PDB file of N, CA and C in Angstrom:
ATOM      1  N   MET A   1       0.859  16.091   6.427  1.00  0.00           N
ATOM      2  CA  MET A   1      -0.003  15.355   7.334  1.00  0.00           C
ATOM      3  C   MET A   1      -0.909  14.453   6.500  1.00  0.00           C
ATOM      4  N   PHE A   2      -0.990  13.200   6.872  1.00  0.00           N
ATOM      5  CA  PHE A   2      -1.828  12.239   6.179  1.00  0.00           C
ATOM      6  C   PHE A   2      -3.037  11.910   7.038  1.00  0.00           C
ATOM      7  N   SER A   3      -4.006  11.225   6.465  1.00  0.00           N
ATOM      8  CA  SER A   3      -5.258  10.969   7.180  1.00  0.00           C
ATOM      9  C   SER A   3      -5.071  10.078   8.401  1.00  0.00           C
ATOM     10  N   CYS A   4      -3.955   9.410   8.509  1.00  0.00           N
ATOM     11  CA  CYS A   4      -3.702   8.605   9.702  1.00  0.00           C
ATOM     12  C   CYS A   4      -3.350   9.484  10.897  1.00  0.00           C
ATOM     13  N   GLY A   5      -3.171  10.766  10.666  1.00  0.00           N
ATOM     14  CA  GLY A   5      -2.932  11.688  11.760  1.00  0.00           C
ATOM     15  C   GLY A   5      -1.479  11.866  12.138  1.00  0.00           C
ATOM     16  N   ALA A   6      -0.587  11.420  11.306  1.00  0.00           N
ATOM     17  CA  ALA A   6       0.831  11.587  11.610  1.00  0.00           C
ATOM     18  C   ALA A   6       1.582  11.920  10.335  1.00  0.00           C
ATOM     19  N   SER A   7       2.692  12.578  10.502  1.00  0.00           N
ATOM     20  CA  SER A   7       3.553  12.843   9.361  1.00  0.00           C
ATOM     21  C   SER A   7       4.234  11.548   8.954  1.00  0.00           C
ATOM     22  N   HIS A   8       4.618  11.473   7.708  1.00  0.00           N
ATOM     23  CA  HIS A   8       5.285  10.276   7.196  1.00  0.00           C
ATOM     24  C   HIS A   8       6.765  10.347   7.520  1.00  0.00           C
ATOM     25  N   ASP A   9       7.285   9.306   8.145  1.00  0.00           N
ATOM     26  CA  ASP A   9       8.732   9.230   8.294  1.00  0.00           C
ATOM     27  C   ASP A   9       9.278   8.598   7.021  1.00  0.00           C
ATOM     28  N   GLU A  10      10.546   8.686   6.836  1.00  0.00           N
ATOM     29  CA  GLU A  10      11.142   8.205   5.590  1.00  0.00           C
ATOM     30  C   GLU A  10      11.673   6.778   5.707  1.00  0.00           C
ATOM     31  N   ASP A  11      11.318   6.063   6.775  1.00  0.00           N
ATOM     32  CA  ASP A  11      11.799   4.694   6.934  1.00  0.00           C
ATOM     33  C   ASP A  11      11.284   3.768   5.839  1.00  0.00           C
ATOM     34  N   TYR A  12      10.038   3.971   5.442  1.00  0.00           N
ATOM     35  CA  TYR A  12       9.409   3.099   4.449  1.00  0.00           C
ATOM     36  C   TYR A  12       8.622   3.944   3.457  1.00  0.00           C
ATOM     37  N   PRO A  13       8.476   3.452   2.227  1.00  0.00           N
ATOM     38  CA  PRO A  13       7.603   4.139   1.271  1.00  0.00           C
ATOM     39  C   PRO A  13       6.169   4.160   1.793  1.00  0.00           C
ATOM     40  N   ARG A  14       5.380   5.073   1.255  1.00  0.00           N
ATOM     41  CA  ARG A  14       4.007   5.268   1.720  1.00  0.00           C
ATOM     42  C   ARG A  14       3.022   4.383   0.974  1.00  0.00           C
ATOM     43  N   ALA A  15       1.918   4.078   1.676  1.00  0.00           N
ATOM     44  CA  ALA A  15       0.795   3.370   1.065  1.00  0.00           C
ATOM     45  C   ALA A  15      -0.497   3.915   1.645  1.00  0.00           C
ATOM     46  N   ALA A  16      -1.540   3.885   0.830  1.00  0.00           N
ATOM     47  CA  ALA A  16      -2.895   4.202   1.288  1.00  0.00           C
ATOM     48  C   ALA A  16      -3.672   2.899   1.241  1.00  0.00           C
ATOM     49  N   PHE A  17      -4.406   2.614   2.297  1.00  0.00           N
ATOM     50  CA  PHE A  17      -5.044   1.314   2.463  1.00  0.00           C
ATOM     51  C   PHE A  17      -6.510   1.518   2.777  1.00  0.00           C
ATOM     52  N   SER A  18      -7.372   0.686   2.252  1.00  0.00           N
ATOM     53  CA  SER A  18      -8.810   0.813   2.469  1.00  0.00           C
ATOM     54  C   SER A  18      -9.268  -0.033   3.645  1.00  0.00           C
ATOM     55  N   ALA A  19      -9.972   0.600   4.575  1.00  0.00           N
ATOM     56  CA  ALA A  19     -10.566  -0.150   5.688  1.00  0.00           C
ATOM     57  C   ALA A  19     -11.593  -1.136   5.164  1.00  0.00           C
ATOM     58  N   GLY A  20     -12.166  -0.858   4.001  1.00  0.00           N
ATOM     59  CA  GLY A  20     -13.156  -1.740   3.405  1.00  0.00           C
ATOM     60  C   GLY A  20     -12.632  -3.136   3.124  1.00  0.00           C
ATOM     61  N   PHE A  21     -11.301  -3.301   3.043  1.00  0.00           N
ATOM     62  CA  PHE A  21     -10.729  -4.639   2.881  1.00  0.00           C
ATOM     63  C   PHE A  21     -11.138  -5.538   4.033  1.00  0.00           C
ATOM     64  N   PHE A  22     -11.425  -4.925   5.167  1.00  0.00           N
ATOM     65  CA  PHE A  22     -11.756  -5.686   6.366  1.00  0.00           C
ATOM     66  C   PHE A  22     -13.225  -5.593   6.704  1.00  0.00           C
ATOM     67  N   GLY A  23     -14.038  -5.051   5.791  1.00  0.00           N
ATOM     68  CA  GLY A  23     -15.465  -4.929   6.034  1.00  0.00           C
ATOM     69  C   GLY A  23     -15.795  -3.865   7.051  1.00  0.00           C
ATOM     70  N   ASP A  24     -14.905  -2.912   7.252  1.00  0.00           N
ATOM     71  CA  ASP A  24     -15.095  -1.869   8.257  1.00  0.00           C
ATOM     72  C   ASP A  24     -14.713  -0.540   7.631  1.00  0.00           C
ATOM     73  N   ASN A  25     -15.668   0.337   7.452  1.00  0.00           N
ATOM     74  CA  ASN A  25     -15.384   1.618   6.826  1.00  0.00           C
ATOM     75  C   ASN A  25     -14.896   2.672   7.807  1.00  0.00           C
ATOM     76  N   ASN A  26     -14.803   2.353   9.087  1.00  0.00           N
ATOM     77  CA  ASN A  26     -14.245   3.274  10.065  1.00  0.00           C
ATOM     78  C   ASN A  26     -12.754   2.993  10.158  1.00  0.00           C
ATOM     79  N   TYR A  27     -11.962   3.781   9.461  1.00  0.00           N
ATOM     80  CA  TYR A  27     -10.543   3.499   9.292  1.00  0.00           C
ATOM     81  C   TYR A  27      -9.799   3.389  10.612  1.00  0.00           C
ATOM     82  N   ASN A  28     -10.068   4.285  11.547  1.00  0.00           N
ATOM     83  CA  ASN A  28      -9.306   4.273  12.788  1.00  0.00           C
ATOM     84  C   ASN A  28      -9.615   3.060  13.652  1.00  0.00           C
ATOM     85  N   VAL A  29     -10.812   2.503  13.524  1.00  0.00           N
ATOM     86  CA  VAL A  29     -11.164   1.318  14.305  1.00  0.00           C
ATOM     87  C   VAL A  29     -10.321   0.120  13.881  1.00  0.00           C
ATOM     88  N   THR A  30      -9.935   0.055  12.633  1.00  0.00           N
ATOM     89  CA  THR A  30      -9.163  -1.090  12.154  1.00  0.00           C
ATOM     90  C   THR A  30      -7.725  -1.074  12.651  1.00  0.00           C
ATOM     91  N   ASN A  31      -7.273   0.044  13.173  1.00  0.00           N
ATOM     92  CA  ASN A  31      -5.916   0.153  13.729  1.00  0.00           C
ATOM     93  C   ASN A  31      -4.819  -0.191  12.731  1.00  0.00           C
ATOM     94  N   ASN A  32      -5.015   0.156  11.477  1.00  0.00           N
ATOM     95  CA  ASN A  32      -3.988  -0.129  10.479  1.00  0.00           C
ATOM     96  C   ASN A  32      -3.060   1.045  10.221  1.00  0.00           C
ATOM     97  N   CYS A  33      -3.410   2.224  10.685  1.00  0.00           N
ATOM     98  CA  CYS A  33      -2.540   3.388  10.509  1.00  0.00           C
ATOM     99  C   CYS A  33      -1.176   3.110  11.130  1.00  0.00           C
ATOM    100  N   GLY A  34      -0.141   3.374  10.354  1.00  0.00           N
ATOM    101  CA  GLY A  34       1.211   3.200  10.858  1.00  0.00           C
ATOM    102  C   GLY A  34       1.754   1.789  10.738  1.00  0.00           C
ATOM    103  N   ARG A  35       0.906   0.831  10.404  1.00  0.00           N
ATOM    104  CA  ARG A  35       1.376  -0.546  10.236  1.00  0.00           C
ATOM    105  C   ARG A  35       2.107  -0.686   8.908  1.00  0.00           C
ATOM    106  N   CYS A  36       2.887  -1.726   8.793  1.00  0.00           N
ATOM    107  CA  CYS A  36       3.612  -1.984   7.553  1.00  0.00           C
ATOM    108  C   CYS A  36       3.030  -3.188   6.832  1.00  0.00           C
ATOM    109  N   LEU A  37       3.121  -3.132   5.524  1.00  0.00           N
ATOM    110  CA  LEU A  37       2.706  -4.224   4.654  1.00  0.00           C
ATOM    111  C   LEU A  37       3.898  -4.673   3.828  1.00  0.00           C
ATOM    112  N   LYS A  38       4.026  -5.959   3.634  1.00  0.00           N
ATOM    113  CA  LYS A  38       4.947  -6.494   2.634  1.00  0.00           C
ATOM    114  C   LYS A  38       4.081  -6.768   1.419  1.00  0.00           C
ATOM    115  N   VAL A  39       4.368  -6.070   0.322  1.00  0.00           N
ATOM    116  CA  VAL A  39       3.576  -6.165  -0.900  1.00  0.00           C
ATOM    117  C   VAL A  39       4.434  -6.843  -1.958  1.00  0.00           C
ATOM    118  N   ALA A  40       3.885  -7.859  -2.624  1.00  0.00           N
ATOM    119  CA  ALA A  40       4.634  -8.613  -3.626  1.00  0.00           C
ATOM    120  C   ALA A  40       3.843  -8.681  -4.919  1.00  0.00           C
ATOM    121  N   SER A  41       4.551  -8.553  -6.040  1.00  0.00           N
ATOM    122  CA  SER A  41       3.893  -8.702  -7.334  1.00  0.00           C
ATOM    123  C   SER A  41       3.582 -10.176  -7.561  1.00  0.00           C
ATOM    124  N   ILE A  42       2.435 -10.438  -8.140  1.00  0.00           N
ATOM    125  CA  ILE A  42       2.018 -11.814  -8.412  1.00  0.00           C
ATOM    126  C   ILE A  42       2.891 -12.439  -9.499  1.00  0.00           C
ATOM    127  N   LEU A  43       3.196 -11.681 -10.532  1.00  0.00           N
ATOM    128  CA  LEU A  43       3.902 -12.235 -11.679  1.00  0.00           C
ATOM    129  C   LEU A  43       5.397 -12.339 -11.490  1.00  0.00           C
ATOM    130  N   GLY A  44       5.965 -11.466 -10.680  1.00  0.00           N
ATOM    131  CA  GLY A  44       7.408 -11.381 -10.712  1.00  0.00           C
ATOM    132  C   GLY A  44       8.166 -11.562  -9.436  1.00  0.00           C
ATOM    133  N   ARG A  45       7.782 -12.083  -8.410  1.00  0.00           N
ATOM    134  CA  ARG A  45       8.614 -12.319  -7.239  1.00  0.00           C
ATOM    135  C   ARG A  45       9.332 -11.081  -6.721  1.00  0.00           C
ATOM    136  N   ARG A  46       8.848  -9.931  -7.025  1.00  0.00           N
ATOM    137  CA  ARG A  46       9.409  -8.703  -6.468  1.00  0.00           C
ATOM    138  C   ARG A  46       8.553  -8.283  -5.289  1.00  0.00           C
ATOM    139  N   GLU A  47       9.188  -7.684  -4.273  1.00  0.00           N
ATOM    140  CA  GLU A  47       8.411  -7.246  -3.126  1.00  0.00           C
ATOM    141  C   GLU A  47       9.003  -5.974  -2.531  1.00  0.00           C
ATOM    142  N   VAL A  48       8.164  -5.272  -1.795  1.00  0.00           N
ATOM    143  CA  VAL A  48       8.563  -4.029  -1.150  1.00  0.00           C
ATOM    144  C   VAL A  48       7.776  -3.894   0.150  1.00  0.00           C
ATOM    145  N   LYS A  49       8.399  -3.294   1.146  1.00  0.00           N
ATOM    146  CA  LYS A  49       7.706  -3.034   2.409  1.00  0.00           C
ATOM    147  C   LYS A  49       7.281  -1.570   2.419  1.00  0.00           C
ATOM    148  N   VAL A  50       6.018  -1.325   2.799  1.00  0.00           N
ATOM    149  CA  VAL A  50       5.470   0.033   2.835  1.00  0.00           C
ATOM    150  C   VAL A  50       4.784   0.270   4.181  1.00  0.00           C
ATOM    151  N   ARG A  51       4.638   1.548   4.531  1.00  0.00           N
ATOM    152  CA  ARG A  51       3.927   1.922   5.752  1.00  0.00           C
ATOM    153  C   ARG A  51       2.603   2.579   5.367  1.00  0.00           C
ATOM    154  N   ILE A  52       1.520   2.188   6.037  1.00  0.00           N
ATOM    155  CA  ILE A  52       0.197   2.762   5.788  1.00  0.00           C
ATOM    156  C   ILE A  52       0.125   4.129   6.456  1.00  0.00           C
ATOM    157  N   VAL A  53      -0.053   5.165   5.644  1.00  0.00           N
ATOM    158  CA  VAL A  53      -0.112   6.529   6.174  1.00  0.00           C
ATOM    159  C   VAL A  53      -1.382   7.262   5.766  1.00  0.00           C
ATOM    160  N   HIS A  54      -2.212   6.616   4.977  1.00  0.00           N
ATOM    161  CA  HIS A  54      -3.381   7.310   4.444  1.00  0.00           C
ATOM    162  C   HIS A  54      -4.484   6.294   4.176  1.00  0.00           C
ATOM    163  N   GLU A  55      -5.726   6.746   4.217  1.00  0.00           N
ATOM    164  CA  GLU A  55      -6.845   5.862   3.922  1.00  0.00           C
ATOM    165  C   GLU A  55      -7.389   6.124   2.527  1.00  0.00           C
ATOM    166  N   ARG A  56      -7.992   5.112   1.958  1.00  0.00           N
ATOM    167  CA  ARG A  56      -8.689   5.216   0.671  1.00  0.00           C
ATOM    168  C   ARG A  56     -10.168   5.040   0.933  1.00  0.00           C
ATOM    169  N   ASN A  57     -10.991   5.642   0.079  1.00  0.00           N
ATOM    170  CA  ASN A  57     -12.437   5.522   0.225  1.00  0.00           C
ATOM    171  C   ASN A  57     -12.995   4.288  -0.464  1.00  0.00           C
ATOM    172  N   ASP A  58     -12.224   3.692  -1.352  1.00  0.00           N
ATOM    173  CA  ASP A  58     -12.703   2.500  -2.053  1.00  0.00           C
ATOM    174  C   ASP A  58     -12.028   1.265  -1.454  1.00  0.00           C
ATOM    175  N   HIS A  59     -12.069   0.189  -2.159  1.00  0.00           N
ATOM    176  CA  HIS A  59     -11.466  -1.062  -1.679  1.00  0.00           C
ATOM    177  C   HIS A  59     -10.156  -1.298  -2.403  1.00  0.00           C
ATOM    178  N   GLY A  60      -9.168  -0.473  -2.124  1.00  0.00           N
ATOM    179  CA  GLY A  60      -7.922  -0.590  -2.847  1.00  0.00           C
ATOM    180  C   GLY A  60      -6.702  -0.364  -1.981  1.00  0.00           C
ATOM    181  N   LEU A  61      -5.573  -0.620  -2.570  1.00  0.00           N
ATOM    182  CA  LEU A  61      -4.274  -0.369  -1.970  1.00  0.00           C
ATOM    183  C   LEU A  61      -3.538   0.541  -2.937  1.00  0.00           C
ATOM    184  N   GLU A  62      -3.115   1.685  -2.472  1.00  0.00           N
ATOM    185  CA  GLU A  62      -2.410   2.636  -3.330  1.00  0.00           C
ATOM    186  C   GLU A  62      -0.979   2.761  -2.844  1.00  0.00           C
ATOM    187  N   LEU A  63      -0.046   2.533  -3.739  1.00  0.00           N
ATOM    188  CA  LEU A  63       1.374   2.608  -3.414  1.00  0.00           C
ATOM    189  C   LEU A  63       1.953   3.908  -3.936  1.00  0.00           C
ATOM    190  N   ASP A  64       3.001   4.404  -3.282  1.00  0.00           N
ATOM    191  CA  ASP A  64       3.684   5.552  -3.858  1.00  0.00           C
ATOM    192  C   ASP A  64       4.404   5.083  -5.125  1.00  0.00           C
ATOM    193  N   LEU A  65       4.809   6.026  -5.947  1.00  0.00           N
ATOM    194  CA  LEU A  65       5.344   5.698  -7.270  1.00  0.00           C
ATOM    195  C   LEU A  65       6.602   4.833  -7.194  1.00  0.00           C
ATOM    196  N   SER A  66       7.481   5.104  -6.242  1.00  0.00           N
ATOM    197  CA  SER A  66       8.711   4.307  -6.164  1.00  0.00           C
ATOM    198  C   SER A  66       8.401   2.840  -5.862  1.00  0.00           C
ATOM    199  N   SER A  67       7.452   2.587  -4.981  1.00  0.00           N
ATOM    200  CA  SER A  67       7.073   1.206  -4.663  1.00  0.00           C
ATOM    201  C   SER A  67       6.411   0.535  -5.853  1.00  0.00           C
ATOM    202  N   PHE A  68       5.507   1.260  -6.497  1.00  0.00           N
ATOM    203  CA  PHE A  68       4.821   0.737  -7.677  1.00  0.00           C
ATOM    204  C   PHE A  68       5.843   0.333  -8.738  1.00  0.00           C
ATOM    205  N   ASN A  69       6.794   1.221  -8.996  1.00  0.00           N
ATOM    206  CA  ASN A  69       7.794   0.938 -10.029  1.00  0.00           C
ATOM    207  C   ASN A  69       8.686  -0.244  -9.662  1.00  0.00           C
ATOM    208  N   GLN A  70       8.988  -0.424  -8.373  1.00  0.00           N
ATOM    209  CA  GLN A  70       9.791  -1.577  -7.954  1.00  0.00           C
ATOM    210  C   GLN A  70       9.066  -2.891  -8.223  1.00  0.00           C
ATOM    211  N   LEU A  71       7.748  -2.874  -8.101  1.00  0.00           N
ATOM    212  CA  LEU A  71       6.958  -4.091  -8.297  1.00  0.00           C
ATOM    213  C   LEU A  71       6.592  -4.338  -9.755  1.00  0.00           C
ATOM    214  N   ASP A  72       6.643  -3.305 -10.573  1.00  0.00           N
ATOM    215  CA  ASP A  72       6.203  -3.410 -11.966  1.00  0.00           C
ATOM    216  C   ASP A  72       7.211  -4.208 -12.784  1.00  0.00           C
ATOM    217  N   ASN A  73       6.824  -5.395 -13.174  1.00  0.00           N
ATOM    218  CA  ASN A  73       7.687  -6.236 -14.001  1.00  0.00           C
ATOM    219  C   ASN A  73       7.081  -6.432 -15.387  1.00  0.00           C
ATOM    220  N   THR A  74       6.312  -5.449 -15.837  1.00  0.00           N
ATOM    221  CA  THR A  74       5.590  -5.579 -17.107  1.00  0.00           C
ATOM    222  C   THR A  74       6.174  -4.685 -18.186  1.00  0.00           C
ATOM    223  N   ASP A  75       7.407  -4.275 -18.039  1.00  0.00           N
ATOM    224  CA  ASP A  75       8.046  -3.369 -18.998  1.00  0.00           C
ATOM    225  C   ASP A  75       7.267  -2.076 -19.155  1.00  0.00           C
ATOM    226  N   GLY A  76       6.689  -1.597 -18.073  1.00  0.00           N
ATOM    227  CA  GLY A  76       6.001  -0.312 -18.089  1.00  0.00           C
ATOM    228  C   GLY A  76       4.532  -0.362 -18.424  1.00  0.00           C
ATOM    229  N   ARG A  77       3.990  -1.498 -18.821  1.00  0.00           N
ATOM    230  CA  ARG A  77       2.565  -1.560 -19.165  1.00  0.00           C
ATOM    231  C   ARG A  77       1.695  -1.273 -17.952  1.00  0.00           C
ATOM    232  N   ALA A  78       2.117  -1.720 -16.772  1.00  0.00           N
ATOM    233  CA  ALA A  78       1.320  -1.475 -15.568  1.00  0.00           C
ATOM    234  C   ALA A  78       1.236   0.011 -15.277  1.00  0.00           C
ATOM    235  N   ASP A  79       2.304   0.747 -15.574  1.00  0.00           N
ATOM    236  CA  ASP A  79       2.290   2.187 -15.348  1.00  0.00           C
ATOM    237  C   ASP A  79       1.243   2.854 -16.227  1.00  0.00           C
ATOM    238  N   VAL A  80       1.083   2.379 -17.447  1.00  0.00           N
ATOM    239  CA  VAL A  80       0.067   2.922 -18.351  1.00  0.00           C
ATOM    240  C   VAL A  80      -1.326   2.607 -17.818  1.00  0.00           C
ATOM    241  N   GLU A  81      -1.530   1.396 -17.346  1.00  0.00           N
ATOM    242  CA  GLU A  81      -2.831   0.978 -16.820  1.00  0.00           C
ATOM    243  C   GLU A  81      -3.064   1.475 -15.401  1.00  0.00           C
ATOM    244  N   GLY A  82      -1.995   1.728 -14.666  1.00  0.00           N
ATOM    245  CA  GLY A  82      -2.109   2.219 -13.303  1.00  0.00           C
ATOM    246  C   GLY A  82      -2.447   1.169 -12.270  1.00  0.00           C
ATOM    247  N   GLN A  83      -2.290  -0.092 -12.612  1.00  0.00           N
ATOM    248  CA  GLN A  83      -2.578  -1.126 -11.624  1.00  0.00           C
ATOM    249  C   GLN A  83      -1.706  -2.355 -11.813  1.00  0.00           C
ATOM    250  N   LEU A  84      -1.485  -3.021 -10.693  1.00  0.00           N
ATOM    251  CA  LEU A  84      -0.748  -4.274 -10.645  1.00  0.00           C
ATOM    252  C   LEU A  84      -1.559  -5.268  -9.830  1.00  0.00           C
ATOM    253  N   THR A  85      -1.360  -6.539 -10.088  1.00  0.00           N
ATOM    254  CA  THR A  85      -1.951  -7.564  -9.238  1.00  0.00           C
ATOM    255  C   THR A  85      -0.895  -7.950  -8.211  1.00  0.00           C
ATOM    256  N   VAL A  86      -1.239  -7.787  -6.937  1.00  0.00           N
ATOM    257  CA  VAL A  86      -0.281  -8.036  -5.861  1.00  0.00           C
ATOM    258  C   VAL A  86      -0.915  -8.885  -4.767  1.00  0.00           C
ATOM    259  N   ARG A  87      -0.073  -9.393  -3.924  1.00  0.00           N
ATOM    260  CA  ARG A  87      -0.527  -9.987  -2.670  1.00  0.00           C
ATOM    261  C   ARG A  87       0.173  -9.197  -1.571  1.00  0.00           C
ATOM    262  N   TYR A  88      -0.380  -9.219  -0.378  1.00  0.00           N
ATOM    263  CA  TYR A  88       0.218  -8.453   0.713  1.00  0.00           C
ATOM    264  C   TYR A  88      -0.041  -9.152   2.032  1.00  0.00           C
ATOM    265  N   ARG A  89       0.783  -8.811   2.999  1.00  0.00           N
ATOM    266  CA  ARG A  89       0.578  -9.294   4.367  1.00  0.00           C
ATOM    267  C   ARG A  89       1.106  -8.220   5.318  1.00  0.00           C
ATOM    268  N   PHE A  90       0.519  -8.166   6.493  1.00  0.00           N
ATOM    269  CA  PHE A  90       1.018  -7.253   7.508  1.00  0.00           C
ATOM    270  C   PHE A  90       2.333  -7.790   8.041  1.00  0.00           C
ATOM    271  N   GLU A  91       3.239  -6.873   8.337  1.00  0.00           N
ATOM    272  CA  GLU A  91       4.554  -7.243   8.828  1.00  0.00           C
ATOM    273  C   GLU A  91       5.016  -6.167   9.803  1.00  0.00           C
ATOM    274  N   SER A  92       5.885  -6.516  10.720  1.00  0.00           N
ATOM    275  CA  SER A  92       6.381  -5.503  11.649  1.00  0.00           C
ATOM    276  C   SER A  92       7.220  -4.478  10.891  1.00  0.00           C
ATOM    277  N   CYS A  93       7.202  -3.270  11.393  1.00  0.00           N
ATOM    278  CA  CYS A  93       7.949  -2.178  10.746  1.00  0.00           C
ATOM    279  C   CYS A  93       9.378  -2.136  11.259  1.00  0.00           C
TER     280      CYS A  93
END
């Protein structure tokens, strides 16, 4: 069970998303639970679709490891640092 209140289906990889991205710390008010994001790496034209299943307390986007690795085009350096620069947009699931 994730903080969005539903179990994760296996249709899409998981992501945790911060309501703070929208200036609203009440996660459920933003209605982003269960929505999908298309996430793309800035440097490498790689992209992956993920489903938001969990909230973050900070202003970040957390991807599951498989999604992170698909976007990592830095020969593993991003894995050491634990972060990538990405762009994202909401998309239908």
